[in-house]
Amino acid sequence: MDIRVFVDTDEEQRMERRLQRDLNERGRSAKSVMQQFEKTVLPMHNQFVEPSKKHADMIIFGGFHDPSGIKELGIRVKKMLAPEIPKP
C-alpha cells in the first residue's frame, strides 16, 4: 500500500497537546514546554514537516475532528486492499 497522508493540525492545538503530554507524562513545567516549543519544535515543524504537505496524496484537516477526511481515508484504504477482479 502506498498512500501519503498529512494530518494538518493548527499550531495552537499542537502546542496544547504537547503541553498536556509533557506536564502529565514527563513531569515538565509549563514554562519549559512552551520555551522548547517556541525555540525548537515550531522552527523544525516549519522547516521540515510543513513542506512535506505538498507531497501528500491526502490532507486531513484537524486530525480526528475531520470525520469526512477520516471517512475518505478509509474508502481509499479499502479500495487499495480490495483484490482486483480480472475482467473476462
PDB file of N, CA and C in Angstrom:
ATOM      1  N   MET A   1       0.848  -1.158   0.000  1.00  0.00           N
ATOM      2  CA  MET A   1       0.000   0.000   0.000  1.00  0.00           C
ATOM      3  C   MET A   1       0.901   1.231   0.000  1.00  0.00           C
ATOM      4  N   ASP A   2       0.548   2.205  -0.781  1.00  0.00           N
ATOM      5  CA  ASP A   2       1.345   3.418  -0.889  1.00  0.00           C
ATOM      6  C   ASP A   2       0.419   4.622  -0.903  1.00  0.00           C
ATOM      7  N   ILE A   3       0.287   5.244   0.251  1.00  0.00           N
ATOM      8  CA  ILE A   3      -0.537   6.449   0.346  1.00  0.00           C
ATOM      9  C   ILE A   3       0.120   7.372   1.370  1.00  0.00           C
ATOM     10  N   ARG A   4       0.274   8.612   0.989  1.00  0.00           N
ATOM     11  CA  ARG A   4       0.893   9.600   1.873  1.00  0.00           C
ATOM     12  C   ARG A   4      -0.209  10.493   2.431  1.00  0.00           C
ATOM     13  N   VAL A   5      -0.365  10.459   3.746  1.00  0.00           N
ATOM     14  CA  VAL A   5      -1.409  11.230   4.420  1.00  0.00           C
ATOM     15  C   VAL A   5      -0.744  12.268   5.312  1.00  0.00           C
ATOM     16  N   PHE A   6      -1.177  13.495   5.189  1.00  0.00           N
ATOM     17  CA  PHE A   6      -0.692  14.582   6.039  1.00  0.00           C
ATOM     18  C   PHE A   6      -1.850  15.006   6.933  1.00  0.00           C
ATOM     19  N   VAL A   7      -1.643  14.933   8.235  1.00  0.00           N
ATOM     20  CA  VAL A   7      -2.661  15.377   9.184  1.00  0.00           C
ATOM     21  C   VAL A   7      -2.307  16.811   9.567  1.00  0.00           C
ATOM     22  N   ASP A   8      -3.109  17.741   9.100  1.00  0.00           N
ATOM     23  CA  ASP A   8      -2.853  19.165   9.286  1.00  0.00           C
ATOM     24  C   ASP A   8      -3.598  19.656  10.520  1.00  0.00           C
ATOM     25  N   THR A   9      -2.846  19.962  11.559  1.00  0.00           N
ATOM     26  CA  THR A   9      -3.424  20.422  12.819  1.00  0.00           C
ATOM     27  C   THR A   9      -2.847  21.797  13.128  1.00  0.00           C
ATOM     28  N   ASP A  10      -3.675  22.718  13.568  1.00  0.00           N
ATOM     29  CA  ASP A  10      -3.184  24.072  13.788  1.00  0.00           C
ATOM     30  C   ASP A  10      -2.185  24.134  14.945  1.00  0.00           C
ATOM     31  N   GLU A  11      -1.384  25.174  14.907  1.00  0.00           N
ATOM     32  CA  GLU A  11      -0.287  25.349  15.865  1.00  0.00           C
ATOM     33  C   GLU A  11      -0.772  25.356  17.311  1.00  0.00           C
ATOM     34  N   GLU A  12      -1.863  26.017  17.562  1.00  0.00           N
ATOM     35  CA  GLU A  12      -2.392  26.110  18.930  1.00  0.00           C
ATOM     36  C   GLU A  12      -2.755  24.727  19.476  1.00  0.00           C
ATOM     37  N   GLN A  13      -3.376  23.912  18.657  1.00  0.00           N
ATOM     38  CA  GLN A  13      -3.763  22.567  19.085  1.00  0.00           C
ATOM     39  C   GLN A  13      -2.526  21.686  19.306  1.00  0.00           C
ATOM     40  N   ARG A  14      -1.535  21.808  18.417  1.00  0.00           N
ATOM     41  CA  ARG A  14      -0.297  21.034  18.598  1.00  0.00           C
ATOM     42  C   ARG A  14       0.392  21.424  19.904  1.00  0.00           C
ATOM     43  N   MET A  15       0.412  22.723  20.191  1.00  0.00           N
ATOM     44  CA  MET A  15       1.042  23.205  21.428  1.00  0.00           C
ATOM     45  C   MET A  15       0.295  22.675  22.643  1.00  0.00           C
ATOM     46  N   GLU A  16      -1.024  22.732  22.614  1.00  0.00           N
ATOM     47  CA  GLU A  16      -1.830  22.270  23.754  1.00  0.00           C
ATOM     48  C   GLU A  16      -1.618  20.783  24.006  1.00  0.00           C
ATOM     49  N   ARG A  17      -1.591  19.992  22.954  1.00  0.00           N
ATOM     50  CA  ARG A  17      -1.358  18.547  23.110  1.00  0.00           C
ATOM     51  C   ARG A  17       0.009  18.266  23.720  1.00  0.00           C
ATOM     52  N   ARG A  18       1.019  18.962  23.216  1.00  0.00           N
ATOM     53  CA  ARG A  18       2.382  18.775  23.742  1.00  0.00           C
ATOM     54  C   ARG A  18       2.451  19.203  25.209  1.00  0.00           C
ATOM     55  N   LEU A  19       1.831  20.326  25.525  1.00  0.00           N
ATOM     56  CA  LEU A  19       1.838  20.830  26.891  1.00  0.00           C
ATOM     57  C   LEU A  19       1.201  19.814  27.838  1.00  0.00           C
ATOM     58  N   GLN A  20       0.022  19.314  27.474  1.00  0.00           N
ATOM     59  CA  GLN A  20      -0.653  18.334  28.335  1.00  0.00           C
ATOM     60  C   GLN A  20       0.172  17.065  28.498  1.00  0.00           C
ATOM     61  N   ARG A  21       0.718  16.566  27.393  1.00  0.00           N
ATOM     62  CA  ARG A  21       1.519  15.347  27.462  1.00  0.00           C
ATOM     63  C   ARG A  21       2.755  15.535  28.351  1.00  0.00           C
ATOM     64  N   ASP A  22       3.484  16.617  28.115  1.00  0.00           N
ATOM     65  CA  ASP A  22       4.725  16.820  28.866  1.00  0.00           C
ATOM     66  C   ASP A  22       4.479  17.125  30.337  1.00  0.00           C
ATOM     67  N   LEU A  23       3.391  17.799  30.649  1.00  0.00           N
ATOM     68  CA  LEU A  23       3.053  18.053  32.050  1.00  0.00           C
ATOM     69  C   LEU A  23       2.657  16.754  32.752  1.00  0.00           C
ATOM     70  N   ASN A  24       1.795  15.973  32.114  1.00  0.00           N
ATOM     71  CA  ASN A  24       1.248  14.769  32.740  1.00  0.00           C
ATOM     72  C   ASN A  24       2.184  13.574  32.705  1.00  0.00           C
ATOM     73  N   GLU A  25       2.850  13.348  31.601  1.00  0.00           N
ATOM     74  CA  GLU A  25       3.651  12.139  31.443  1.00  0.00           C
ATOM     75  C   GLU A  25       5.132  12.329  31.710  1.00  0.00           C
ATOM     76  N   ARG A  26       5.622  13.550  31.600  1.00  0.00           N
ATOM     77  CA  ARG A  26       7.062  13.784  31.711  1.00  0.00           C
ATOM     78  C   ARG A  26       7.447  14.684  32.876  1.00  0.00           C
ATOM     79  N   GLY A  27       6.445  15.177  33.584  1.00  0.00           N
ATOM     80  CA  GLY A  27       6.712  15.978  34.766  1.00  0.00           C
ATOM     81  C   GLY A  27       7.423  17.297  34.504  1.00  0.00           C
ATOM     82  N   ARG A  28       7.260  17.851  33.331  1.00  0.00           N
ATOM     83  CA  ARG A  28       7.926  19.105  32.991  1.00  0.00           C
ATOM     84  C   ARG A  28       7.070  20.293  33.400  1.00  0.00           C
ATOM     85  N   SER A  29       7.694  21.446  33.472  1.00  0.00           N
ATOM     86  CA  SER A  29       6.942  22.662  33.787  1.00  0.00           C
ATOM     87  C   SER A  29       6.359  23.246  32.504  1.00  0.00           C
ATOM     88  N   ALA A  30       5.278  23.994  32.666  1.00  0.00           N
ATOM     89  CA  ALA A  30       4.640  24.624  31.507  1.00  0.00           C
ATOM     90  C   ALA A  30       5.608  25.584  30.824  1.00  0.00           C
ATOM     91  N   LYS A  31       6.382  26.293  31.612  1.00  0.00           N
ATOM     92  CA  LYS A  31       7.344  27.260  31.054  1.00  0.00           C
ATOM     93  C   LYS A  31       8.373  26.555  30.175  1.00  0.00           C
ATOM     94  N   SER A  32       8.917  25.430  30.643  1.00  0.00           N
ATOM     95  CA  SER A  32       9.945  24.742  29.854  1.00  0.00           C
ATOM     96  C   SER A  32       9.362  24.140  28.575  1.00  0.00           C
ATOM     97  N   VAL A  33       8.131  23.658  28.651  1.00  0.00           N
ATOM     98  CA  VAL A  33       7.478  23.086  27.467  1.00  0.00           C
ATOM     99  C   VAL A  33       7.254  24.181  26.433  1.00  0.00           C
ATOM    100  N   MET A  34       6.764  25.323  26.864  1.00  0.00           N
ATOM    101  CA  MET A  34       6.489  26.421  25.950  1.00  0.00           C
ATOM    102  C   MET A  34       7.772  26.974  25.335  1.00  0.00           C
ATOM    103  N   GLN A  35       8.825  27.060  26.149  1.00  0.00           N
ATOM    104  CA  GLN A  35      10.113  27.537  25.622  1.00  0.00           C
ATOM    105  C   GLN A  35      10.646  26.581  24.556  1.00  0.00           C
ATOM    106  N   GLN A  36      10.587  25.284  24.836  1.00  0.00           N
ATOM    107  CA  GLN A  36      11.064  24.309  23.863  1.00  0.00           C
ATOM    108  C   GLN A  36      10.229  24.373  22.584  1.00  0.00           C
ATOM    109  N   PHE A  37       8.934  24.495  22.731  1.00  0.00           N
ATOM    110  CA  PHE A  37       8.058  24.560  21.563  1.00  0.00           C
ATOM    111  C   PHE A  37       8.433  25.749  20.684  1.00  0.00           C
ATOM    112  N   GLU A  38       8.611  26.902  21.293  1.00  0.00           N
ATOM    113  CA  GLU A  38       8.914  28.116  20.534  1.00  0.00           C
ATOM    114  C   GLU A  38      10.316  28.110  19.934  1.00  0.00           C
ATOM    115  N   LYS A  39      11.286  27.577  20.683  1.00  0.00           N
ATOM    116  CA  LYS A  39      12.682  27.640  20.225  1.00  0.00           C
ATOM    117  C   LYS A  39      13.078  26.509  19.284  1.00  0.00           C
ATOM    118  N   THR A  40      12.511  25.320  19.452  1.00  0.00           N
ATOM    119  CA  THR A  40      12.949  24.201  18.617  1.00  0.00           C
ATOM    120  C   THR A  40      11.819  23.505  17.857  1.00  0.00           C
ATOM    121  N   VAL A  41      10.729  23.196  18.537  1.00  0.00           N
ATOM    122  CA  VAL A  41       9.664  22.415  17.902  1.00  0.00           C
ATOM    123  C   VAL A  41       9.036  23.180  16.739  1.00  0.00           C
ATOM    124  N   LEU A  42       8.631  24.398  16.961  1.00  0.00           N
ATOM    125  CA  LEU A  42       7.967  25.181  15.917  1.00  0.00           C
ATOM    126  C   LEU A  42       8.893  25.453  14.725  1.00  0.00           C
ATOM    127  N   PRO A  43      10.132  25.887  14.945  1.00  0.00           N
ATOM    128  CA  PRO A  43      11.015  26.083  13.781  1.00  0.00           C
ATOM    129  C   PRO A  43      11.268  24.788  12.993  1.00  0.00           C
ATOM    130  N   MET A  44      11.410  23.675  13.682  1.00  0.00           N
ATOM    131  CA  MET A  44      11.633  22.399  12.990  1.00  0.00           C
ATOM    132  C   MET A  44      10.384  21.967  12.224  1.00  0.00           C
ATOM    133  N   HIS A  45       9.232  22.221  12.804  1.00  0.00           N
ATOM    134  CA  HIS A  45       7.979  21.922  12.107  1.00  0.00           C
ATOM    135  C   HIS A  45       7.904  22.741  10.819  1.00  0.00           C
ATOM    136  N   ASN A  46       8.188  24.022  10.939  1.00  0.00           N
ATOM    137  CA  ASN A  46       8.101  24.902   9.774  1.00  0.00           C
ATOM    138  C   ASN A  46       9.128  24.542   8.698  1.00  0.00           C
ATOM    139  N   GLN A  47      10.293  24.083   9.125  1.00  0.00           N
ATOM    140  CA  GLN A  47      11.348  23.760   8.174  1.00  0.00           C
ATOM    141  C   GLN A  47      11.163  22.392   7.522  1.00  0.00           C
ATOM    142  N   PHE A  48      10.742  21.396   8.293  1.00  0.00           N
ATOM    143  CA  PHE A  48      10.728  20.027   7.782  1.00  0.00           C
ATOM    144  C   PHE A  48       9.328  19.418   7.594  1.00  0.00           C
ATOM    145  N   VAL A  49       8.441  19.630   8.537  1.00  0.00           N
ATOM    146  CA  VAL A  49       7.139  18.964   8.483  1.00  0.00           C
ATOM    147  C   VAL A  49       6.200  19.668   7.511  1.00  0.00           C
ATOM    148  N   GLU A  50       6.013  20.947   7.674  1.00  0.00           N
ATOM    149  CA  GLU A  50       5.064  21.703   6.838  1.00  0.00           C
ATOM    150  C   GLU A  50       5.360  21.559   5.341  1.00  0.00           C
ATOM    151  N   PRO A  51       6.621  21.651   4.905  1.00  0.00           N
ATOM    152  CA  PRO A  51       6.890  21.495   3.470  1.00  0.00           C
ATOM    153  C   PRO A  51       6.538  20.104   2.922  1.00  0.00           C
ATOM    154  N   SER A  52       6.503  19.096   3.781  1.00  0.00           N
ATOM    155  CA  SER A  52       6.181  17.748   3.310  1.00  0.00           C
ATOM    156  C   SER A  52       4.717  17.623   2.906  1.00  0.00           C
ATOM    157  N   LYS A  53       3.897  18.582   3.308  1.00  0.00           N
ATOM    158  CA  LYS A  53       2.466  18.562   2.981  1.00  0.00           C
ATOM    159  C   LYS A  53       2.244  18.520   1.466  1.00  0.00           C
ATOM    160  N   LYS A  54       3.114  19.166   0.717  1.00  0.00           N
ATOM    161  CA  LYS A  54       2.932  19.221  -0.734  1.00  0.00           C
ATOM    162  C   LYS A  54       3.099  17.859  -1.404  1.00  0.00           C
ATOM    163  N   HIS A  55       3.680  16.891  -0.698  1.00  0.00           N
ATOM    164  CA  HIS A  55       3.871  15.553  -1.251  1.00  0.00           C
ATOM    165  C   HIS A  55       2.752  14.588  -0.864  1.00  0.00           C
ATOM    166  N   ALA A  56       1.804  15.051  -0.070  1.00  0.00           N
ATOM    167  CA  ALA A  56       0.733  14.179   0.422  1.00  0.00           C
ATOM    168  C   ALA A  56      -0.274  13.865  -0.676  1.00  0.00           C
ATOM    169  N   ASP A  57      -0.763  12.625  -0.645  1.00  0.00           N
ATOM    170  CA  ASP A  57      -1.855  12.240  -1.531  1.00  0.00           C
ATOM    171  C   ASP A  57      -3.176  12.747  -0.972  1.00  0.00           C
ATOM    172  N   MET A  58      -3.191  12.940   0.337  1.00  0.00           N
ATOM    173  CA  MET A  58      -4.421  13.340   1.013  1.00  0.00           C
ATOM    174  C   MET A  58      -4.063  14.154   2.253  1.00  0.00           C
ATOM    175  N   ILE A  59      -4.813  15.195   2.506  1.00  0.00           N
ATOM    176  CA  ILE A  59      -4.610  16.011   3.698  1.00  0.00           C
ATOM    177  C   ILE A  59      -5.872  15.931   4.538  1.00  0.00           C
ATOM    178  N   ILE A  60      -5.685  15.585   5.805  1.00  0.00           N
ATOM    179  CA  ILE A  60      -6.807  15.558   6.744  1.00  0.00           C
ATOM    180  C   ILE A  60      -6.637  16.772   7.651  1.00  0.00           C
ATOM    181  N   PHE A  61      -7.628  17.646   7.651  1.00  0.00           N
ATOM    182  CA  PHE A  61      -7.559  18.874   8.426  1.00  0.00           C
ATOM    183  C   PHE A  61      -8.126  18.659   9.821  1.00  0.00           C
ATOM    184  N   GLY A  62      -7.361  18.996  10.834  1.00  0.00           N
ATOM    185  CA  GLY A  62      -7.841  18.920  12.207  1.00  0.00           C
ATOM    186  C   GLY A  62      -7.795  17.539  12.829  1.00  0.00           C
ATOM    187  N   GLY A  63      -7.119  16.604  12.191  1.00  0.00           N
ATOM    188  CA  GLY A  63      -6.980  15.266  12.766  1.00  0.00           C
ATOM    189  C   GLY A  63      -8.305  14.551  12.914  1.00  0.00           C
ATOM    190  N   PHE A  64      -8.575  14.057  14.105  1.00  0.00           N
ATOM    191  CA  PHE A  64      -9.781  13.280  14.354  1.00  0.00           C
ATOM    192  C   PHE A  64     -11.047  14.129  14.293  1.00  0.00           C
ATOM    193  N   HIS A  65     -10.887  15.439  14.197  1.00  0.00           N
ATOM    194  CA  HIS A  65     -12.042  16.328  14.147  1.00  0.00           C
ATOM    195  C   HIS A  65     -12.532  16.547  12.719  1.00  0.00           C
ATOM    196  N   ASP A  66     -12.019  15.758  11.788  1.00  0.00           N
ATOM    197  CA  ASP A  66     -12.434  15.852  10.382  1.00  0.00           C
ATOM    198  C   ASP A  66     -13.036  14.520   9.958  1.00  0.00           C
ATOM    199  N   PRO A  67     -14.294  14.262  10.343  1.00  0.00           N
ATOM    200  CA  PRO A  67     -14.896  12.962  10.031  1.00  0.00           C
ATOM    201  C   PRO A  67     -14.954  12.661   8.540  1.00  0.00           C
ATOM    202  N   SER A  68     -15.163  13.672   7.710  1.00  0.00           N
ATOM    203  CA  SER A  68     -15.228  13.409   6.273  1.00  0.00           C
ATOM    204  C   SER A  68     -13.853  13.006   5.749  1.00  0.00           C
ATOM    205  N   GLY A  69     -12.795  13.603   6.285  1.00  0.00           N
ATOM    206  CA  GLY A  69     -11.438  13.239   5.882  1.00  0.00           C
ATOM    207  C   GLY A  69     -11.087  11.828   6.311  1.00  0.00           C
ATOM    208  N   ILE A  70     -11.478  11.457   7.520  1.00  0.00           N
ATOM    209  CA  ILE A  70     -11.238  10.107   8.031  1.00  0.00           C
ATOM    210  C   ILE A  70     -12.015   9.098   7.190  1.00  0.00           C
ATOM    211  N   LYS A  71     -13.254   9.426   6.856  1.00  0.00           N
ATOM    212  CA  LYS A  71     -14.076   8.529   6.044  1.00  0.00           C
ATOM    213  C   LYS A  71     -13.444   8.335   4.663  1.00  0.00           C
ATOM    214  N   GLU A  72     -13.007   9.420   4.054  1.00  0.00           N
ATOM    215  CA  GLU A  72     -12.364   9.341   2.740  1.00  0.00           C
ATOM    216  C   GLU A  72     -11.092   8.492   2.795  1.00  0.00           C
ATOM    217  N   LEU A  73     -10.314   8.638   3.853  1.00  0.00           N
ATOM    218  CA  LEU A  73      -9.115   7.819   4.013  1.00  0.00           C
ATOM    219  C   LEU A  73      -9.490   6.345   4.093  1.00  0.00           C
ATOM    220  N   GLY A  74     -10.526   6.025   4.853  1.00  0.00           N
ATOM    221  CA  GLY A  74     -10.995   4.647   4.962  1.00  0.00           C
ATOM    222  C   GLY A  74     -11.414   4.084   3.611  1.00  0.00           C
ATOM    223  N   ILE A  75     -12.103   4.881   2.825  1.00  0.00           N
ATOM    224  CA  ILE A  75     -12.538   4.446   1.490  1.00  0.00           C
ATOM    225  C   ILE A  75     -11.329   4.155   0.606  1.00  0.00           C
ATOM    226  N   ARG A  76     -10.354   5.048   0.632  1.00  0.00           N
ATOM    227  CA  ARG A  76      -9.151   4.850  -0.184  1.00  0.00           C
ATOM    228  C   ARG A  76      -8.393   3.589   0.224  1.00  0.00           C
ATOM    229  N   VAL A  77      -8.248   3.381   1.525  1.00  0.00           N
ATOM    230  CA  VAL A  77      -7.529   2.202   2.007  1.00  0.00           C
ATOM    231  C   VAL A  77      -8.268   0.924   1.620  1.00  0.00           C
ATOM    232  N   LYS A  78      -9.584   0.918   1.770  1.00  0.00           N
ATOM    233  CA  LYS A  78     -10.370  -0.269   1.381  1.00  0.00           C
ATOM    234  C   LYS A  78     -10.195  -0.574  -0.099  1.00  0.00           C
ATOM    235  N   LYS A  79     -10.200   0.459  -0.933  1.00  0.00           N
ATOM    236  CA  LYS A  79     -10.004   0.266  -2.371  1.00  0.00           C
ATOM    237  C   LYS A  79      -8.624  -0.332  -2.646  1.00  0.00           C
ATOM    238  N   MET A  80      -7.621   0.138  -1.916  1.00  0.00           N
ATOM    239  CA  MET A  80      -6.260  -0.356  -2.131  1.00  0.00           C
ATOM    240  C   MET A  80      -6.118  -1.808  -1.680  1.00  0.00           C
ATOM    241  N   LEU A  81      -6.867  -2.197  -0.670  1.00  0.00           N
ATOM    242  CA  LEU A  81      -6.778  -3.548  -0.147  1.00  0.00           C
ATOM    243  C   LEU A  81      -7.653  -4.551  -0.891  1.00  0.00           C
ATOM    244  N   ALA A  82      -8.653  -4.051  -1.589  1.00  0.00           N
ATOM    245  CA  ALA A  82      -9.587  -4.939  -2.293  1.00  0.00           C
ATOM    246  C   ALA A  82      -8.864  -5.599  -3.470  1.00  0.00           C
ATOM    247  N   PRO A  83      -9.032  -6.906  -3.608  1.00  0.00           N
ATOM    248  CA  PRO A  83      -8.382  -7.571  -4.745  1.00  0.00           C
ATOM    249  C   PRO A  83      -9.048  -7.156  -6.056  1.00  0.00           C
ATOM    250  N   GLU A  84      -8.245  -7.003  -7.056  1.00  0.00           N
ATOM    251  CA  GLU A  84      -8.796  -6.663  -8.365  1.00  0.00           C
ATOM    252  C   GLU A  84      -9.410  -7.913  -8.970  1.00  0.00           C
ATOM    253  N   ILE A  85     -10.577  -7.750  -9.515  1.00  0.00           N
ATOM    254  CA  ILE A  85     -11.258  -8.866 -10.162  1.00  0.00           C
ATOM    255  C   ILE A  85     -10.955  -8.778 -11.653  1.00  0.00           C
ATOM    256  N   PRO A  86     -10.297  -9.800 -12.189  1.00  0.00           N
ATOM    257  CA  PRO A  86      -9.969  -9.743 -13.620  1.00  0.00           C
ATOM    258  C   PRO A  86     -11.228  -9.779 -14.480  1.00  0.00           C
ATOM    259  N   LYS A  87     -11.199  -9.016 -15.547  1.00  0.00           N
ATOM    260  CA  LYS A  87     -12.330  -8.973 -16.478  1.00  0.00           C
ATOM    261  C   LYS A  87     -12.201 -10.145 -17.442  1.00  0.00           C
ATOM    262  N   PRO A  88     -13.346 -10.790 -17.764  1.00  0.00           N
ATOM    263  CA  PRO A  88     -13.297 -11.948 -18.677  1.00  0.00           C
ATOM    264  C   PRO A  88     -12.953 -11.571 -20.102  1.00  0.00           C
TER     265      PRO A  88
END
